[in-house]
Amino acid sequence: MSDYFPDSIGFQTVAYTAVASIAVLFLDFIITFDSEVCWTWGRGWSITRVIFIVSRYLPFVGLVMTVYYSVGSTRGGIPDHGIFTAVYDGVRWSSVAAAELLLVLRTYVVWGGDKRFLILTLVFTTAVSVTVLVLTYITASKSGDSTGVFEEVPDSSIVYGLLMLVELVLMTLTLYKRFKSPRSEDSLLMITLYRDDVIYMLCITLVSMANCISIVLLPPSYNALLAGPQML
């Protein structure tokens, strides 16, 4: 036990959370695989399909890397952490970005395919994404002297706050459209789309909010506790 990092329990807890996230993601994959085959396989490639594939499969890679990162942190850090951290951040934030783009596309569908709406939301989300990338680069620079342990720097809470802002805006737009539209125009498909969108957006908004709080309030070894669920 002497080779353990002093805060190993915190990092082990983060690893357990990531493993649980993998289990949830795998269960969702099994449940929805037939729908994926029906609606995406055999169809032509498009931007929407690329975004879907990235958001569907890249989280598996990110979560496995999260487990490795967390377990390595219990032993004082991972080797070659500079290269690993750069790749991990790329995988993690690409997964999150793909999920956010899917939300934009779903909201676009809810709004009847209004291209002006799509342009406005893409401008908004692009501005937020650029800000997130800049902040991520700054936070990575601040943690450049890290020993290879998995800890979020305090400024990361701003990143999750910006994600929460995007999710709240999209959820508000979806709810606004739902209650503005005449009930007589709602088909069963649209009702289901509205319901599932709002439930999903609420869940990821709560996770983003919890990440903001945990980074600020929890000890360093615990503040990446919800890094795994954020990729779901």
Protein backbone atom coordinates (compact mmCIF):
# COMPACT_ATOMS: atom_id res chain seq x y z
CA MET A 1 0.00 0.00 0.00
CA SER A 2 3.00 2.31 0.33
CA ASP A 3 3.02 3.02 -3.40
CA TYR A 4 -0.45 4.57 -3.25
CA PHE A 5 -0.99 8.25 -3.75
CA PRO A 6 -2.34 9.90 -0.54
CA ASP A 7 -5.69 10.75 -2.18
CA SER A 8 -6.11 7.34 -3.82
CA ILE A 9 -9.65 6.85 -2.48
CA GLY A 10 -10.83 9.94 -4.35
CA PHE A 11 -9.26 8.81 -7.62
CA GLN A 12 -10.65 5.30 -7.14
CA THR A 13 -14.12 6.81 -6.71
CA VAL A 14 -13.68 8.72 -9.97
CA ALA A 15 -12.66 5.44 -11.64
CA TYR A 16 -15.75 3.68 -10.26
CA THR A 17 -17.96 6.47 -11.60
CA ALA A 18 -16.34 6.10 -15.03
CA VAL A 19 -16.86 2.31 -14.97
CA ALA A 20 -20.51 2.84 -14.03
CA SER A 21 -20.81 5.31 -16.93
CA ILE A 22 -19.39 2.69 -19.31
CA ALA A 23 -22.02 0.21 -18.07
CA VAL A 24 -24.83 2.73 -18.63
CA LEU A 25 -23.48 3.64 -22.08
CA PHE A 26 -23.17 -0.03 -23.05
CA LEU A 27 -26.73 -0.72 -21.84
CA ASP A 28 -28.01 2.20 -23.91
CA PHE A 29 -26.04 0.88 -26.89
CA ILE A 30 -27.65 -2.55 -26.59
CA ILE A 31 -31.16 -1.14 -26.19
CA THR A 32 -30.91 1.27 -29.13
CA PHE A 33 -28.70 -0.75 -31.49
CA ASP A 34 -31.64 -2.03 -33.55
CA SER A 35 -32.85 1.55 -34.07
CA GLU A 36 -29.35 2.57 -35.14
CA VAL A 37 -29.26 -0.23 -37.72
CA CYS A 38 -32.73 0.72 -38.98
CA TRP A 39 -32.16 4.47 -39.27
CA THR A 40 -28.45 4.93 -40.03
CA TRP A 41 -26.90 1.81 -41.53
CA GLY A 42 -27.03 1.64 -45.29
CA ARG A 43 -27.74 5.35 -45.62
CA GLY A 44 -25.45 7.89 -47.26
CA TRP A 45 -22.90 9.77 -45.22
CA SER A 46 -23.75 13.30 -44.14
CA ILE A 47 -22.66 15.80 -41.50
CA THR A 48 -25.49 14.65 -39.27
CA ARG A 49 -24.43 11.01 -39.53
CA VAL A 50 -20.80 11.87 -38.77
CA ILE A 51 -21.84 13.83 -35.68
CA PHE A 52 -24.03 10.93 -34.59
CA ILE A 53 -21.24 8.36 -35.02
CA VAL A 54 -18.80 10.53 -33.05
CA SER A 55 -21.28 11.10 -30.23
CA ARG A 56 -22.23 7.42 -30.25
CA TYR A 57 -18.83 5.71 -30.17
CA LEU A 58 -16.18 8.20 -29.04
CA PRO A 59 -17.48 8.27 -25.42
CA PHE A 60 -16.46 4.60 -25.08
CA VAL A 61 -12.86 5.62 -25.80
CA GLY A 62 -13.08 8.63 -23.50
CA LEU A 63 -14.51 6.62 -20.60
CA VAL A 64 -11.86 3.89 -20.90
CA MET A 65 -9.22 6.63 -20.84
CA THR A 66 -10.92 8.14 -17.78
CA VAL A 67 -10.65 4.82 -15.93
CA TYR A 68 -6.96 4.49 -16.90
CA TYR A 69 -6.27 8.09 -15.85
CA SER A 70 -8.04 7.68 -12.50
CA VAL A 71 -6.46 4.33 -11.63
CA GLY A 72 -3.03 5.66 -12.63
CA SER A 73 -3.61 8.64 -10.34
CA THR A 74 -4.00 6.33 -7.33
CA ARG A 75 -0.37 5.33 -7.89
CA GLY A 76 1.02 8.83 -8.11
CA GLY A 77 0.27 9.61 -11.74
CA ILE A 78 0.47 8.16 -15.24
CA PRO A 79 3.63 8.01 -17.38
CA ASP A 80 3.98 10.39 -20.34
CA HIS A 81 1.07 12.34 -18.91
CA GLY A 82 1.62 15.34 -21.20
CA ILE A 83 0.84 13.39 -24.39
CA PHE A 84 -1.92 11.37 -22.74
CA THR A 85 -3.63 14.45 -21.29
CA ALA A 86 -3.62 16.19 -24.68
CA VAL A 87 -5.20 13.15 -26.38
CA TYR A 88 -7.64 12.61 -23.53
CA ASP A 89 -8.81 16.21 -23.56
CA GLY A 90 -9.29 15.99 -27.33
CA VAL A 91 -11.38 12.82 -27.04
CA ARG A 92 -13.37 14.06 -24.06
CA TRP A 93 -14.29 17.47 -25.44
CA SER A 94 -14.95 16.06 -28.92
CA SER A 95 -17.50 13.68 -27.35
CA VAL A 96 -19.16 16.53 -25.47
CA ALA A 97 -19.14 18.80 -28.54
CA ALA A 98 -20.74 16.11 -30.73
CA ALA A 99 -23.50 15.61 -28.15
CA GLU A 100 -24.14 19.37 -28.04
CA LEU A 101 -24.31 19.55 -31.84
CA LEU A 102 -26.86 16.75 -31.87
CA LEU A 103 -28.95 18.80 -29.46
CA VAL A 104 -28.77 21.73 -31.89
CA LEU A 105 -29.92 19.52 -34.77
CA ARG A 106 -32.78 18.04 -32.73
CA THR A 107 -33.91 21.53 -31.74
CA TYR A 108 -33.67 22.55 -35.40
CA VAL A 109 -36.05 19.71 -36.30
CA VAL A 110 -38.44 20.75 -33.52
CA TRP A 111 -38.49 24.24 -35.00
CA GLY A 112 -39.63 22.87 -38.33
CA GLY A 113 -36.29 23.03 -40.14
CA ASP A 114 -36.12 26.83 -40.04
CA LYS A 115 -32.71 27.64 -41.55
CA ARG A 116 -32.58 31.06 -39.92
CA PHE A 117 -33.00 29.35 -36.57
CA LEU A 118 -30.24 26.88 -37.44
CA ILE A 119 -27.84 29.68 -38.41
CA LEU A 120 -28.50 31.61 -35.19
CA THR A 121 -28.08 28.58 -32.96
CA LEU A 122 -24.92 27.50 -34.79
CA VAL A 123 -23.43 30.99 -34.40
CA PHE A 124 -24.27 30.91 -30.69
CA THR A 125 -22.91 27.41 -30.10
CA THR A 126 -19.79 28.12 -32.19
CA ALA A 127 -19.05 31.22 -30.11
CA VAL A 128 -19.45 29.20 -26.93
CA SER A 129 -17.33 26.35 -28.35
CA VAL A 130 -14.48 28.71 -29.25
CA THR A 131 -14.61 30.13 -25.73
CA VAL A 132 -14.54 26.60 -24.29
CA LEU A 133 -11.51 25.68 -26.43
CA VAL A 134 -9.65 28.80 -25.33
CA LEU A 135 -10.45 28.15 -21.68
CA THR A 136 -9.46 24.50 -22.04
CA TYR A 137 -6.10 25.54 -23.50
CA ILE A 138 -5.59 28.03 -20.66
CA THR A 139 -6.47 25.48 -17.98
CA ALA A 140 -4.21 22.90 -19.62
CA SER A 141 -1.37 25.43 -19.55
CA LYS A 142 -1.97 26.10 -15.87
CA SER A 143 -1.75 22.39 -15.12
CA GLY A 144 1.35 21.93 -17.23
CA ASP A 145 3.48 21.10 -14.17
CA SER A 146 1.11 18.31 -13.16
CA THR A 147 2.49 15.00 -11.93
CA GLY A 148 0.03 13.09 -14.09
CA VAL A 149 -2.89 12.82 -11.68
CA PHE A 150 -6.48 13.38 -12.77
CA GLU A 151 -7.56 16.69 -11.26
CA GLU A 152 -9.67 19.46 -12.75
CA VAL A 153 -8.35 22.99 -12.26
CA PRO A 154 -10.86 25.49 -10.76
CA ASP A 155 -11.27 27.32 -14.10
CA SER A 156 -12.82 24.16 -15.56
CA SER A 157 -16.02 25.06 -13.73
CA ILE A 158 -16.42 27.96 -16.19
CA VAL A 159 -16.24 25.50 -19.09
CA TYR A 160 -19.03 23.37 -17.63
CA GLY A 161 -20.98 26.54 -16.89
CA LEU A 162 -20.84 27.50 -20.57
CA LEU A 163 -22.02 24.02 -21.56
CA MET A 164 -24.89 24.39 -19.11
CA LEU A 165 -25.76 27.74 -20.72
CA VAL A 166 -26.03 26.14 -24.18
CA GLU A 167 -28.16 23.31 -22.82
CA LEU A 168 -30.48 25.69 -20.97
CA VAL A 169 -30.93 27.86 -24.07
CA LEU A 170 -31.76 24.85 -26.27
CA MET A 171 -34.13 23.41 -23.67
CA THR A 172 -35.89 26.78 -23.32
CA LEU A 173 -36.27 27.05 -27.09
CA THR A 174 -37.72 23.54 -27.24
CA LEU A 175 -40.21 24.26 -24.46
CA TYR A 176 -41.16 27.58 -26.05
CA LYS A 177 -41.85 25.88 -29.37
CA ARG A 178 -43.81 23.11 -27.66
CA PHE A 179 -46.22 25.45 -25.90
CA LYS A 180 -46.43 27.92 -28.77
CA SER A 181 -47.51 25.34 -31.36
CA PRO A 182 -51.21 24.50 -31.60
CA ARG A 183 -51.91 21.14 -29.98
CA SER A 184 -53.84 20.06 -33.08
CA GLU A 185 -50.60 20.11 -35.09
CA ASP A 186 -48.78 17.74 -32.75
CA SER A 187 -48.35 14.24 -34.08
CA LEU A 188 -47.36 11.33 -31.85
CA LEU A 189 -43.83 11.52 -33.29
CA MET A 190 -43.47 15.22 -32.43
CA ILE A 191 -44.87 14.74 -28.93
CA THR A 192 -42.34 11.97 -28.34
CA LEU A 193 -39.54 14.13 -29.76
CA TYR A 194 -40.46 17.07 -27.51
CA ARG A 195 -40.65 14.84 -24.43
CA ASP A 196 -37.40 12.98 -25.07
CA ASP A 197 -35.53 16.17 -25.94
CA VAL A 198 -36.56 17.94 -22.77
CA ILE A 199 -35.79 14.94 -20.54
CA TYR A 200 -32.36 14.44 -22.14
CA MET A 201 -31.49 18.15 -22.00
CA LEU A 202 -32.57 18.34 -18.37
CA CYS A 203 -30.36 15.37 -17.47
CA ILE A 204 -27.21 16.71 -19.14
CA THR A 205 -27.87 20.21 -17.79
CA LEU A 206 -28.00 18.78 -14.27
CA VAL A 207 -24.74 16.88 -14.89
CA SER A 208 -23.05 20.07 -16.16
CA MET A 209 -24.33 21.95 -13.10
CA ALA A 210 -23.09 19.19 -10.79
CA ASN A 211 -19.66 19.34 -12.48
CA CYS A 212 -19.50 23.10 -11.84
CA ILE A 213 -20.28 22.56 -8.16
CA SER A 214 -18.02 19.54 -7.63
CA ILE A 215 -14.97 21.24 -9.17
CA VAL A 216 -15.36 24.21 -6.83
CA LEU A 217 -16.37 22.42 -3.61
CA LEU A 218 -14.83 18.93 -3.64
CA PRO A 219 -11.21 18.05 -2.80
CA PRO A 220 -8.87 17.87 -5.84
CA SER A 221 -8.91 14.06 -6.04
CA TYR A 222 -12.73 14.07 -6.24
CA ASN A 223 -13.38 17.08 -8.48
CA ALA A 224 -13.38 14.99 -11.69
CA LEU A 225 -16.05 12.74 -10.20
CA LEU A 226 -18.57 13.49 -12.98
CA ALA A 227 -16.16 13.65 -15.91
CA GLY A 228 -17.46 10.24 -16.99
CA PRO A 229 -21.21 11.01 -16.84
CA GLN A 230 -20.60 14.23 -18.81
CA MET A 231 -19.61 12.12 -21.82
CA LEU A 232 -22.79 10.04 -21.83
